[in-house]
C-alpha atoms as a PDB file:
ATOM      1  CA  UNK A   1      42.088 182.011-132.415  1.00  0.00           C
ATOM      2  CA  UNK A   2      41.205 185.283-133.914  1.00  0.00           C
ATOM      3  CA  UNK A   3      42.803 188.545-132.832  1.00  0.00           C
ATOM      4  CA  UNK A   4      40.366 190.270-130.419  1.00  0.00           C
ATOM      5  CA  UNK A   5      37.814 186.899-129.888  1.00  0.00           C
ATOM      6  CA  UNK A   6      39.771 185.652-126.781  1.00  0.00           C
ATOM      7  CA  UNK A   7      41.049 181.784-126.237  1.00  0.00           C
ATOM      8  CA  UNK A   8      38.448 179.200-126.460  1.00  0.00           C
ATOM      9  CA  UNK A   9      37.783 177.238-122.960  1.00  0.00           C
ATOM     10  CA  UNK A  10      37.154 173.633-121.729  1.00  0.00           C
ATOM     11  CA  UNK A  11      35.439 173.495-118.526  1.00  0.00           C
ATOM     12  CA  UNK A  12      35.651 169.581-117.588  1.00  0.00           C
ATOM     13  CA  UNK A  13      33.014 168.953-114.618  1.00  0.00           C
ATOM     14  CA  UNK A  14      32.519 165.819-112.275  1.00  0.00           C
ATOM     15  CA  UNK A  15      28.974 164.833-111.802  1.00  0.00           C
ATOM     16  CA  UNK A  16      27.235 164.957-108.343  1.00  0.00           C
ATOM     17  CA  UNK A  17      27.565 162.603-105.599  1.00  0.00           C
ATOM     18  CA  UNK A  18      25.624 159.518-106.291  1.00  0.00           C
ATOM     19  CA  UNK A  19      24.134 156.660-104.141  1.00  0.00           C
ATOM     20  CA  UNK A  20      27.145 154.501-105.033  1.00  0.00           C
ATOM     21  CA  UNK A  21      29.639 157.307-103.620  1.00  0.00           C
ATOM     22  CA  UNK A  22      27.988 157.672-100.718  1.00  0.00           C
ATOM     23  CA  UNK A  23      28.325 153.976-100.209  1.00  0.00           C
ATOM     24  CA  UNK A  24      32.062 153.563-101.452  1.00  0.00           C
ATOM     25  CA  UNK A  25      30.889 151.475-104.217  1.00  0.00           C
ATOM     26  CA  UNK A  26      33.036 151.612-107.499  1.00  0.00           C
ATOM     27  CA  UNK A  27      30.939 152.036-110.340  1.00  0.00           C
ATOM     28  CA  UNK A  28      32.364 152.695-113.494  1.00  0.00           C
ATOM     29  CA  UNK A  29      29.762 152.690-116.066  1.00  0.00           C
ATOM     30  CA  UNK A  30      26.910 151.026-114.084  1.00  0.00           C
ATOM     31  CA  UNK A  31      24.294 154.005-114.155  1.00  0.00           C
ATOM     32  CA  UNK A  32      24.157 154.882-110.625  1.00  0.00           C
ATOM     33  CA  UNK A  33      21.835 158.266-109.641  1.00  0.00           C
ATOM     34  CA  UNK A  34      22.384 161.144-107.870  1.00  0.00           C
ATOM     35  CA  UNK A  35      22.246 161.012-103.943  1.00  0.00           C
ATOM     36  CA  UNK A  36      19.939 163.607-102.489  1.00  0.00           C
ATOM     37  CA  UNK A  37      23.097 165.572-101.676  1.00  0.00           C
ATOM     38  CA  UNK A  38      24.194 165.104-105.276  1.00  0.00           C
ATOM     39  CA  UNK A  39      21.162 166.732-106.451  1.00  0.00           C
ATOM     40  CA  UNK A  40      21.904 169.771-104.378  1.00  0.00           C
ATOM     41  CA  UNK A  41      25.507 169.527-105.356  1.00  0.00           C
ATOM     42  CA  UNK A  42      24.252 169.358-109.091  1.00  0.00           C
ATOM     43  CA  UNK A  43      22.077 172.614-108.583  1.00  0.00           C
ATOM     44  CA  UNK A  44      24.776 174.521-107.197  1.00  0.00           C
ATOM     45  CA  UNK A  45      27.199 173.792-109.603  1.00  0.00           C
ATOM     46  CA  UNK A  46      24.913 174.525-112.025  1.00  0.00           C
ATOM     47  CA  UNK A  47      24.907 178.230-111.268  1.00  0.00           C
ATOM     48  CA  UNK A  48      28.276 178.357-110.748  1.00  0.00           C
ATOM     49  CA  UNK A  49      29.556 177.164-114.095  1.00  0.00           C
ATOM     50  CA  UNK A  50      27.203 178.972-115.932  1.00  0.00           C
ATOM     51  CA  UNK A  51      28.512 181.846-114.619  1.00  0.00           C
ATOM     52  CA  UNK A  52      31.797 180.747-116.988  1.00  0.00           C
ATOM     53  CA  UNK A  53      29.729 181.904-119.709  1.00  0.00           C
ATOM     54  CA  UNK A  54      29.523 178.428-121.505  1.00  0.00           C
ATOM     55  CA  UNK A  55      27.846 178.360-125.575  1.00  0.00           C
ATOM     56  CA  UNK A  56      26.857 174.779-124.860  1.00  0.00           C
ATOM     57  CA  UNK A  57      27.321 171.566-122.599  1.00  0.00           C
ATOM     58  CA  UNK A  58      28.229 167.965-123.917  1.00  0.00           C
ATOM     59  CA  UNK A  59      27.446 164.956-121.427  1.00  0.00           C
ATOM     60  CA  UNK A  60      27.995 161.387-120.702  1.00  0.00           C
ATOM     61  CA  UNK A  61      25.022 159.479-121.479  1.00  0.00           C
ATOM     62  CA  UNK A  62      25.417 158.174-117.970  1.00  0.00           C
ATOM     63  CA  UNK A  63      22.403 159.941-115.416  1.00  0.00           C
ATOM     64  CA  UNK A  64      24.432 161.233-112.875  1.00  0.00           C
ATOM     65  CA  UNK A  65      26.669 163.016-115.629  1.00  0.00           C
ATOM     66  CA  UNK A  66      23.893 163.921-117.730  1.00  0.00           C
ATOM     67  CA  UNK A  67      21.646 165.546-114.670  1.00  0.00           C
ATOM     68  CA  UNK A  68      24.447 167.736-113.546  1.00  0.00           C
ATOM     69  CA  UNK A  69      25.319 168.897-116.929  1.00  0.00           C
ATOM     70  CA  UNK A  70      21.460 169.621-117.620  1.00  0.00           C
ATOM     71  CA  UNK A  71      22.028 172.097-114.271  1.00  0.00           C
ATOM     72  CA  UNK A  72      24.386 173.723-116.004  1.00  0.00           C
ATOM     73  CA  UNK A  73      22.575 174.063-119.569  1.00  0.00           C
ATOM     74  CA  UNK A  74      19.303 175.156-118.205  1.00  0.00           C
ATOM     75  CA  UNK A  75      20.926 177.755-115.806  1.00  0.00           C
ATOM     76  CA  UNK A  76      23.332 179.279-118.846  1.00  0.00           C
ATOM     77  CA  UNK A  77      20.192 178.759-121.578  1.00  0.00           C
ATOM     78  CA  UNK A  78      22.590 176.994-123.728  1.00  0.00           C
ATOM     79  CA  UNK A  79      21.757 173.781-125.409  1.00  0.00           C
ATOM     80  CA  UNK A  80      23.115 170.327-124.235  1.00  0.00           C
ATOM     81  CA  UNK A  81      24.228 166.688-126.220  1.00  0.00           C
ATOM     82  CA  UNK A  82      25.322 163.731-125.185  1.00  0.00           C
ATOM     83  CA  UNK A  83      28.644 161.773-126.156  1.00  0.00           C
ATOM     84  CA  UNK A  84      28.895 158.641-125.056  1.00  0.00           C
ATOM     85  CA  UNK A  85      32.671 158.276-124.641  1.00  0.00           C
ATOM     86  CA  UNK A  86      33.112 161.002-122.161  1.00  0.00           C
ATOM     87  CA  UNK A  87      31.606 157.827-120.014  1.00  0.00           C
ATOM     88  CA  UNK A  88      33.434 156.868-116.515  1.00  0.00           C
ATOM     89  CA  UNK A  89      35.838 154.445-117.064  1.00  0.00           C
ATOM     90  CA  UNK A  90      34.651 151.164-117.626  1.00  0.00           C
ATOM     91  CA  UNK A  91      36.122 149.113-114.143  1.00  0.00           C
ATOM     92  CA  UNK A  92      35.390 145.412-115.435  1.00  0.00           C
ATOM     93  CA  UNK A  93      34.901 142.925-112.403  1.00  0.00           C
ATOM     94  CA  UNK A  94      35.625 145.864-109.892  1.00  0.00           C
ATOM     95  CA  UNK A  95      32.418 147.679-110.740  1.00  0.00           C
ATOM     96  CA  UNK A  96      29.890 147.144-108.008  1.00  0.00           C
ATOM     97  CA  UNK A  97      32.213 146.382-105.474  1.00  0.00           C
ATOM     98  CA  UNK A  98      33.987 148.205-102.221  1.00  0.00           C
ATOM     99  CA  UNK A  99      37.610 148.999-101.971  1.00  0.00           C
ATOM    100  CA  UNK A 100      37.956 146.409 -99.567  1.00  0.00           C
ATOM    101  CA  UNK A 101      36.187 143.728-101.616  1.00  0.00           C
ATOM    102  CA  UNK A 102      38.333 144.842-104.339  1.00  0.00           C
ATOM    103  CA  UNK A 103      41.483 144.633-102.278  1.00  0.00           C
ATOM    104  CA  UNK A 104      40.584 140.984-100.862  1.00  0.00           C
ATOM    105  CA  UNK A 105      40.129 139.911-104.475  1.00  0.00           C
ATOM    106  CA  UNK A 106      42.514 141.270-106.665  1.00  0.00           C
ATOM    107  CA  UNK A 107      45.342 142.384-104.198  1.00  0.00           C
ATOM    108  CA  UNK A 108      48.305 142.729-106.560  1.00  0.00           C
ATOM    109  CA  UNK A 109      46.274 144.296-109.350  1.00  0.00           C
ATOM    110  CA  UNK A 110      45.599 147.036-106.603  1.00  0.00           C
ATOM    111  CA  UNK A 111      48.571 147.533-105.533  1.00  0.00           C
ATOM    112  CA  UNK A 112      49.956 147.947-108.828  1.00  0.00           C
ATOM    113  CA  UNK A 113      47.273 150.589-109.240  1.00  0.00           C
ATOM    114  CA  UNK A 114      48.003 152.354-106.200  1.00  0.00           C
ATOM    115  CA  UNK A 115      51.515 152.055-106.861  1.00  0.00           C
ATOM    116  CA  UNK A 116      50.749 154.589-109.940  1.00  0.00           C
ATOM    117  CA  UNK A 117      50.748 151.368-112.662  1.00  0.00           C
ATOM    118  CA  UNK A 118      47.729 151.857-115.247  1.00  0.00           C
ATOM    119  CA  UNK A 119      46.259 148.613-114.851  1.00  0.00           C
ATOM    120  CA  UNK A 120      43.725 147.465-116.952  1.00  0.00           C
ATOM    121  CA  UNK A 121      40.770 146.583-114.897  1.00  0.00           C
ATOM    122  CA  UNK A 122      40.061 142.621-114.372  1.00  0.00           C
ATOM    123  CA  UNK A 123      37.127 141.123-116.169  1.00  0.00           C
ATOM    124  CA  UNK A 124      37.278 143.327-119.676  1.00  0.00           C
ATOM    125  CA  UNK A 125      37.520 146.652-118.204  1.00  0.00           C
ATOM    126  CA  UNK A 126      39.634 149.697-119.521  1.00  0.00           C
ATOM    127  CA  UNK A 127      42.920 151.112-118.565  1.00  0.00           C
ATOM    128  CA  UNK A 128      43.611 154.902-118.210  1.00  0.00           C
ATOM    129  CA  UNK A 129      45.118 155.316-121.569  1.00  0.00           C
ATOM    130  CA  UNK A 130      42.038 153.993-122.836  1.00  0.00           C
ATOM    131  CA  UNK A 131      39.710 156.423-121.567  1.00  0.00           C
ATOM    132  CA  UNK A 132      42.563 159.022-122.678  1.00  0.00           C
ATOM    133  CA  UNK A 133      42.124 158.177-126.283  1.00  0.00           C
ATOM    134  CA  UNK A 134      38.313 158.223-126.094  1.00  0.00           C
ATOM    135  CA  UNK A 135      37.877 161.252-124.000  1.00  0.00           C
ATOM    136  CA  UNK A 136      40.454 163.081-126.631  1.00  0.00           C
ATOM    137  CA  UNK A 137      38.407 162.091-129.301  1.00  0.00           C
ATOM    138  CA  UNK A 138      35.465 163.587-127.845  1.00  0.00           C
ATOM    139  CA  UNK A 139      37.252 166.484-127.010  1.00  0.00           C
ATOM    140  CA  UNK A 140      38.389 166.535-130.828  1.00  0.00           C
ATOM    141  CA  UNK A 141      35.142 167.078-132.140  1.00  0.00           C
ATOM    142  CA  UNK A 142      33.499 169.343-128.858  1.00  0.00           C
ATOM    143  CA  UNK A 143      36.284 171.704-130.168  1.00  0.00           C
ATOM    144  CA  UNK A 144      35.722 171.456-133.891  1.00  0.00           C
ATOM    145  CA  UNK A 145      32.272 173.177-133.167  1.00  0.00           C
ATOM    146  CA  UNK A 146      33.954 175.844-130.904  1.00  0.00           C
ATOM    147  CA  UNK A 147      34.588 179.125-132.027  1.00  0.00           C
ATOM    148  CA  UNK A 148      37.440 181.470-130.658  1.00  0.00           C
ATOM    149  CA  UNK A 149      36.213 183.704-127.248  1.00  0.00           C
ATOM    150  CA  UNK A 150      33.768 179.993-126.559  1.00  0.00           C
ATOM    151  CA  UNK A 151      33.494 178.060-123.711  1.00  0.00           C
ATOM    152  CA  UNK A 152      32.530 174.346-123.592  1.00  0.00           C
ATOM    153  CA  UNK A 153      31.614 172.382-120.513  1.00  0.00           C
ATOM    154  CA  UNK A 154      31.895 168.478-120.257  1.00  0.00           C
ATOM    155  CA  UNK A 155      29.659 166.778-117.696  1.00  0.00           C
ATOM    156  CA  UNK A 156      31.736 163.866-117.312  1.00  0.00           C
ATOM    157  CA  UNK A 157      33.199 161.598-114.494  1.00  0.00           C
ATOM    158  CA  UNK A 158      36.342 161.664-111.788  1.00  0.00           C
ATOM    159  CA  UNK A 159      38.648 159.085-113.679  1.00  0.00           C
ATOM    160  CA  UNK A 160      37.408 160.131-117.118  1.00  0.00           C
ATOM    161  CA  UNK A 161      37.488 163.778-116.159  1.00  0.00           C
ATOM    162  CA  UNK A 162      41.119 164.213-115.675  1.00  0.00           C
ATOM    163  CA  UNK A 163      41.998 161.620-118.570  1.00  0.00           C
ATOM    164  CA  UNK A 164      40.317 164.335-120.801  1.00  0.00           C
ATOM    165  CA  UNK A 165      42.196 167.015-118.860  1.00  0.00           C
ATOM    166  CA  UNK A 166      45.559 164.839-119.251  1.00  0.00           C
ATOM    167  CA  UNK A 167      44.650 164.902-123.117  1.00  0.00           C
ATOM    168  CA  UNK A 168      44.306 168.780-123.477  1.00  0.00           C
ATOM    169  CA  UNK A 169      47.574 169.580-121.768  1.00  0.00           C
ATOM    170  CA  UNK A 170      49.777 166.592-123.762  1.00  0.00           C
ATOM    171  CA  UNK A 171      50.913 164.671-120.396  1.00  0.00           C
ATOM    172  CA  UNK A 172      50.249 161.083-119.517  1.00  0.00           C
ATOM    173  CA  UNK A 173      47.262 160.402-117.727  1.00  0.00           C
ATOM    174  CA  UNK A 174      49.517 158.496-114.869  1.00  0.00           C
ATOM    175  CA  UNK A 175      51.070 161.975-114.516  1.00  0.00           C
ATOM    176  CA  UNK A 176      48.135 163.964-114.265  1.00  0.00           C
ATOM    177  CA  UNK A 177      46.748 161.364-111.703  1.00  0.00           C
ATOM    178  CA  UNK A 178      50.161 161.908-109.658  1.00  0.00           C
ATOM    179  CA  UNK A 179      50.160 165.921-109.854  1.00  0.00           C
ATOM    180  CA  UNK A 180      46.238 166.626-109.870  1.00  0.00           C
ATOM    181  CA  UNK A 181      44.296 163.753-107.755  1.00  0.00           C
ATOM    182  CA  UNK A 182      41.183 162.912-107.717  1.00  0.00           C
ATOM    183  CA  UNK A 183      38.429 165.462-108.937  1.00  0.00           C
ATOM    184  CA  UNK A 184      35.345 166.022-106.471  1.00  0.00           C
ATOM    185  CA  UNK A 185      32.136 165.656-106.702  1.00  0.00           C
ATOM    186  CA  UNK A 186      30.791 168.613-108.839  1.00  0.00           C
ATOM    187  CA  UNK A 187      33.943 170.120-108.622  1.00  0.00           C
ATOM    188  CA  UNK A 188      35.825 171.427-111.946  1.00  0.00           C
ATOM    189  CA  UNK A 189      38.545 172.252-113.749  1.00  0.00           C
ATOM    190  CA  UNK A 190      38.814 175.313-116.424  1.00  0.00           C
ATOM    191  CA  UNK A 191      41.428 174.686-119.353  1.00  0.00           C
ATOM    192  CA  UNK A 192      42.376 177.506-121.586  1.00  0.00           C
ATOM    193  CA  UNK A 193      43.453 177.660-124.758  1.00  0.00           C
ATOM    194  CA  UNK A 194      47.146 179.599-125.489  1.00  0.00           C
ATOM    195  CA  UNK A 195      49.082 180.470-128.748  1.00  0.00           C
ATOM    196  CA  UNK A 196      51.156 177.469-127.425  1.00  0.00           C
ATOM    197  CA  UNK A 197      48.837 175.006-126.137  1.00  0.00           C
ATOM    198  CA  UNK A 198      46.082 174.438-123.261  1.00  0.00           C
ATOM    199  CA  UNK A 199      46.864 175.429-119.732  1.00  0.00           C
ATOM    200  CA  UNK A 200      45.121 174.848-116.903  1.00  0.00           C
ATOM    201  CA  UNK A 201      43.498 177.883-115.377  1.00  0.00           C
ATOM    202  CA  UNK A 202      41.701 176.159-111.823  1.00  0.00           C
ATOM    203  CA  UNK A 203      41.078 172.548-111.106  1.00  0.00           C
ATOM    204  CA  UNK A 204      39.442 171.220-108.828  1.00  0.00           C
ATOM    205  CA  UNK A 205      37.120 174.228-108.249  1.00  0.00           C
ATOM    206  CA  UNK A 206      33.363 174.249-106.805  1.00  0.00           C
ATOM    207  CA  UNK A 207      30.292 175.923-105.456  1.00  0.00           C
ATOM    208  CA  UNK A 208      28.895 173.082-104.375  1.00  0.00           C
ATOM    209  CA  UNK A 209      27.708 171.393-100.860  1.00  0.00           C
ATOM    210  CA  UNK A 210      29.870 168.652 -99.464  1.00  0.00           C
ATOM    211  CA  UNK A 211      32.965 167.428 -99.021  1.00  0.00           C
ATOM    212  CA  UNK A 212      35.865 169.178-100.672  1.00  0.00           C
ATOM    213  CA  UNK A 213      38.779 166.714-100.152  1.00  0.00           C
ATOM    214  CA  UNK A 214      38.349 165.163-103.571  1.00  0.00           C
ATOM    215  CA  UNK A 215      37.747 161.462-102.199  1.00  0.00           C
ATOM    216  CA  UNK A 216      36.954 159.741-105.182  1.00  0.00           C
ATOM    217  CA  UNK A 217      35.724 156.325-106.178  1.00  0.00           C
ATOM    218  CA  UNK A 218      35.322 155.772-109.828  1.00  0.00           C
END
């Protein structure tokens, strides 16, 4: 960090509500669209996050994150690029199912997950540690192009966003799950670089309409 230039900042933004979110369906890497409310949330979040002064936006390639990131980029007048490593956790066989269906079919795995164990999702899905590694690699590349005093916005997903923040803060991903909780639709966290590492400035902030309780379905 150059003297007088200010710290670098990373804003981790979750996408707006999707049709699957509204139905309580686990979407994972299924490419579900924003709901009507989600579109409104994205527009409102775009203006609010633009006020943080981003230099650019890096987005997951899934349409719900891309659409949300585009709102920020348009409001701020900055470029946007895609990075597939910012995708949501791959939820394996759980993708496309409701929580009740998952509990009925995989009671043991679901119970372990709710107890705080990082369980790889059945059927070839990822663990949160997997997501932390790939989002961390994406952040490394984003920061390599971020000058002192600049802010980069990562338009991503709930589990992926929290994993990204855990990587920046240097904490275990399940500790982040316990301490931070869910990131709501079109809510964000801001992480600021300091002399001895990164610190969380805000978490679960929003300027968007809709529930503010952090309700989360991947």
